Protein backbone atom coordinates (compact mmCIF):
# COMPACT_ATOMS: atom_id res chain seq x y z
CA MET A 1 85.25 15.06 -77.96
CA GLN A 2 88.65 14.06 -78.35
CA THR A 3 90.99 15.99 -77.32
CA SER A 4 94.21 14.60 -78.02
CA TYR A 5 96.02 11.47 -80.26
CA ALA A 6 98.26 10.06 -81.85
CA LEU A 7 99.23 10.14 -85.83
CA PRO A 8 103.32 10.05 -88.23
CA ALA A 9 104.74 12.68 -88.31
CA ALA A 10 105.13 13.94 -90.73
CA GLY A 11 106.58 14.29 -94.27
CA ARG A 12 107.80 11.48 -93.82
CA THR A 13 106.70 7.16 -95.93
CA TRP A 14 107.48 3.82 -93.52
CA THR A 15 107.80 0.73 -95.61
CA HIS A 16 108.55 -2.67 -94.78
CA ARG A 17 109.18 -5.73 -97.59
CA TRP A 18 108.39 -9.98 -96.33
CA GLU A 19 107.87 -12.62 -98.83
CA VAL A 20 105.15 -15.39 -97.71
CA LYS A 21 105.26 -18.74 -100.33
CA ARG A 22 107.31 -16.55 -103.06
CA SER A 23 104.61 -13.67 -102.72
CA LYS A 24 105.97 -10.63 -102.03
CA PHE A 25 104.39 -7.70 -99.82
CA LEU A 26 105.86 -4.42 -100.20
CA THR A 27 104.10 -2.33 -97.20
CA PHE A 28 103.59 2.24 -97.20
CA ALA A 29 103.03 3.59 -94.91
CA ARG A 30 102.67 7.83 -94.08
CA ARG A 31 100.63 10.48 -92.55
CA VAL A 32 97.31 11.46 -94.07
CA MET A 33 95.55 14.39 -93.57
CA SER A 34 92.52 14.32 -95.52
CA GLU A 35 90.62 11.91 -97.99
CA GLU A 36 91.98 12.94 -100.86
CA ALA A 37 95.56 12.73 -99.39
CA ALA A 38 94.93 8.90 -99.13
CA ARG A 39 93.89 9.13 -102.38
CA ASP A 40 95.92 10.91 -103.74
CA PHE A 41 99.07 8.40 -101.77
CA ILE A 42 97.13 4.92 -102.93
CA ALA A 43 97.54 6.05 -106.61
CA GLU A 44 101.07 6.99 -105.76
CA VAL A 45 102.15 2.99 -105.09
CA ARG A 46 99.73 2.12 -107.71
CA ARG A 47 102.37 4.57 -110.32
CA GLU A 48 105.61 3.59 -108.59
CA TYR A 49 104.19 -0.71 -108.81
CA PRO A 50 102.10 -1.06 -112.54
CA ASP A 51 103.44 -3.94 -112.66
CA ALA A 52 102.33 -5.63 -109.20
CA ARG A 53 98.64 -7.73 -109.60
CA HIS A 54 96.98 -5.87 -105.98
CA HIS A 55 97.87 -2.82 -104.48
CA CYS A 56 94.93 -2.85 -101.41
CA SER A 57 94.71 -0.75 -98.81
CA ALA A 58 92.99 0.97 -95.87
CA TYR A 59 92.68 4.17 -94.03
CA LEU A 60 91.58 6.08 -91.06
CA LEU A 61 90.93 10.44 -91.16
CA HIS A 62 90.10 12.13 -87.44
CA VAL A 63 87.22 13.92 -88.10
CA ASP A 64 86.73 16.47 -85.79
CA GLY A 65 83.65 15.72 -83.39
CA ALA A 66 82.30 11.91 -85.33
CA ASN A 67 83.85 9.12 -85.91
CA PRO A 68 86.59 8.72 -88.03
CA VAL A 69 86.85 7.59 -91.16
CA GLU A 70 87.73 4.27 -92.29
CA ARG A 71 87.88 3.60 -96.10
CA SER A 72 89.43 -0.32 -97.06
CA SER A 73 90.18 -1.85 -100.58
CA ASP A 74 90.46 -5.12 -101.50
CA ASP A 75 91.75 -4.14 -105.02
CA GLY A 76 91.13 -7.58 -105.93
CA GLU A 77 92.27 -10.31 -103.52
CA PRO A 78 88.87 -12.51 -102.34
CA SER A 79 86.60 -9.29 -100.58
CA GLY A 80 87.49 -8.96 -96.65
CA THR A 81 91.14 -10.98 -97.09
CA ALA A 82 93.17 -7.69 -96.80
CA GLY A 83 91.50 -4.32 -96.23
CA THR A 84 89.43 -5.38 -93.48
CA PRO A 85 92.42 -7.54 -92.10
CA MET A 86 94.76 -3.73 -92.94
CA LEU A 87 92.01 -1.68 -91.08
CA ASP A 88 91.73 -4.26 -88.05
CA MET A 89 95.65 -3.28 -87.56
CA LEU A 90 95.52 0.39 -87.56
CA ARG A 91 92.06 0.17 -85.44
CA GLY A 92 94.89 -1.56 -83.04
CA SER A 93 97.27 0.70 -83.43
CA GLY A 94 96.52 4.51 -81.48
CA LEU A 95 96.80 5.90 -84.59
CA ILE A 96 94.44 8.23 -86.56
CA ASP A 97 95.54 10.26 -90.19
CA VAL A 98 97.51 6.92 -91.34
CA ALA A 99 96.66 5.35 -94.35
CA VAL A 100 98.96 1.94 -94.80
CA VAL A 101 99.40 0.49 -98.78
CA VAL A 102 99.96 -2.78 -99.26
CA VAL A 103 101.84 -4.06 -103.05
CA ARG A 104 101.13 -7.61 -103.76
CA TYR A 105 103.38 -9.18 -106.13
CA PHE A 106 101.98 -12.95 -107.02
CA GLY A 107 104.88 -15.60 -106.37
CA GLY A 108 102.65 -18.60 -107.64
CA VAL A 109 100.90 -20.66 -104.25
CA LYS A 110 97.63 -19.63 -103.65
CA LEU A 111 98.08 -18.18 -100.57
CA GLY A 112 93.79 -19.58 -99.46
CA ALA A 113 91.39 -17.31 -97.62
CA GLY A 114 93.33 -17.50 -94.08
CA GLY A 115 97.14 -16.78 -95.57
CA LEU A 116 95.85 -13.60 -97.41
CA VAL A 117 93.92 -12.20 -94.71
CA HIS A 118 97.63 -13.28 -91.97
CA ALA A 119 99.58 -12.24 -95.03
CA TYR A 120 98.47 -8.68 -94.77
CA SER A 121 97.78 -8.55 -90.65
CA GLN A 122 101.46 -8.67 -91.05
CA SER A 123 102.11 -6.42 -93.55
CA VAL A 124 100.69 -3.80 -91.24
CA GLN A 125 101.24 -5.04 -88.04
CA GLN A 126 105.10 -5.23 -88.94
CA VAL A 127 105.26 -0.93 -90.66
CA LEU A 128 103.35 0.20 -87.59
CA PRO A 129 106.70 -0.50 -84.89
CA LEU A 130 108.80 1.91 -87.32
CA VAL A 131 106.41 4.63 -87.38
CA ASP A 132 107.55 8.11 -85.65
CA ARG A 133 105.24 9.64 -83.82
CA VAL A 134 103.41 12.83 -83.03
CA THR A 135 100.45 13.67 -80.64
CA ARG A 136 97.54 16.33 -81.70
CA SER A 137 96.16 17.51 -79.26
CA ARG A 138 93.78 20.20 -79.17
CA ARG A 139 94.65 24.03 -77.33
CA GLU A 140 93.35 26.42 -76.18
CA LEU A 141 95.46 29.88 -77.66
CA TYR A 142 96.44 33.45 -76.02
CA THR A 143 97.71 36.26 -77.36
CA VAL A 144 100.28 38.69 -75.35
CA THR A 145 102.39 41.54 -76.22
CA ALA A 146 106.08 42.84 -74.94
CA PRO A 147 108.14 45.56 -76.25
CA HIS A 148 111.25 44.47 -77.96
CA ALA A 149 113.25 45.44 -75.80
CA GLU A 150 112.24 42.50 -73.58
CA ALA A 151 110.59 39.83 -76.22
CA GLY A 152 113.88 37.86 -75.85
CA ARG A 153 113.60 37.27 -72.34
CA LEU A 154 110.08 36.40 -71.72
CA GLU A 155 109.39 34.96 -74.90
CA ALA A 156 112.83 31.80 -73.85
CA GLU A 157 110.91 31.50 -70.59
CA LEU A 158 107.69 30.76 -72.29
CA ARG A 159 109.68 28.53 -74.40
CA ALA A 160 111.38 26.31 -71.22
CA ARG A 161 107.65 25.75 -70.27
CA ASP A 162 106.62 24.47 -73.80
CA LEU A 163 103.58 27.48 -74.43
CA VAL A 164 105.01 29.07 -77.05
CA VAL A 165 103.48 28.06 -81.05
CA ASP A 166 104.24 31.70 -82.74
CA VAL A 167 106.20 35.03 -83.05
CA ALA A 168 104.82 38.00 -84.72
CA TYR A 169 107.06 41.60 -84.97
CA GLY A 170 105.26 44.67 -85.33
CA ALA A 171 106.21 48.13 -83.26
CA GLU A 172 106.25 45.08 -80.19
CA VAL A 173 105.95 41.96 -80.66
CA THR A 174 103.36 39.59 -80.43
CA MET A 175 102.97 36.10 -78.77
CA THR A 176 100.57 33.44 -78.92
CA LEU A 177 100.42 30.35 -76.23
CA ALA A 178 99.01 27.29 -76.59
CA VAL A 179 97.32 25.72 -73.21
CA ALA A 180 95.25 22.17 -71.85
CA PRO A 181 91.39 23.64 -72.11
CA GLY A 182 90.81 25.93 -68.65
CA GLY A 183 94.86 26.02 -68.65
CA ARG A 184 94.48 30.35 -68.60
CA THR A 185 94.45 30.56 -64.93
CA GLU A 186 97.51 29.01 -64.74
CA LEU A 187 98.82 30.83 -68.11
CA ALA A 188 97.82 34.43 -66.66
CA SER A 189 99.82 33.50 -63.22
CA THR A 190 102.79 32.41 -65.27
CA LEU A 191 102.47 35.70 -67.04
CA ALA A 192 102.37 38.25 -63.90
CA SER A 193 105.69 36.81 -62.81
CA LEU A 194 107.61 36.61 -65.69
CA THR A 195 106.53 40.40 -66.13
CA ALA A 196 105.92 41.67 -63.05
CA GLY A 197 102.30 41.77 -63.31
CA VAL A 198 102.33 44.14 -66.63
CA ALA A 199 101.23 41.43 -69.45
CA GLU A 200 97.73 39.56 -69.86
CA PRO A 201 96.64 36.77 -71.58
CA ALA A 202 94.20 37.65 -74.73
CA GLU A 203 91.67 35.11 -76.23
CA ALA A 204 92.34 33.45 -79.25
CA GLY A 205 90.44 30.53 -79.95
CA THR A 206 91.72 27.38 -79.72
CA ALA A 207 93.58 25.20 -82.16
CA TRP A 208 95.19 21.60 -83.13
CA VAL A 209 98.82 22.01 -81.54
CA GLU A 210 100.96 19.21 -82.36
CA SER A 211 104.78 18.10 -80.05
């Protein structure tokens, strides 16, 4: 089972523009977490550039316990000359949960099948280095509680170790901590040293955590 992977940072769209024999290629890359989000992204670009002849696309989506979902579209270009080369670039990028759309404005000069494959491949290849990456990792979650008077110091110590993913305030302060699989023993030792043996971690399941 995959325990970590790279994906684009949230909340941004990266773009690249270039020209090949008077045809203009506009590339857009974005993080997507579902097929619906990928389709919405493609539709958004299509609405923004309705006068373009082609809006070719490709995306890769993570699926727990299975191979990634892979989709591509030539959108009117000769079969296999746009979507598949774009998808090949995504496969080689190391990124998942990513979608790209390449908008083409035809310049009057036919590129031929080989020229189209090169143009669409390069369109994606040139935008990928611009993408800010984050890492998503499967982590075991634990909770620990502390009195308000002591919680500030403990939280600061745990944040310095990059363990805290959530803090809830009630009668006591409850912190949710994330560790790599198999890290409970080390976490328990850390908590014991920070709280003179008072605090112990309680299991709280697993989750994907970004860093």
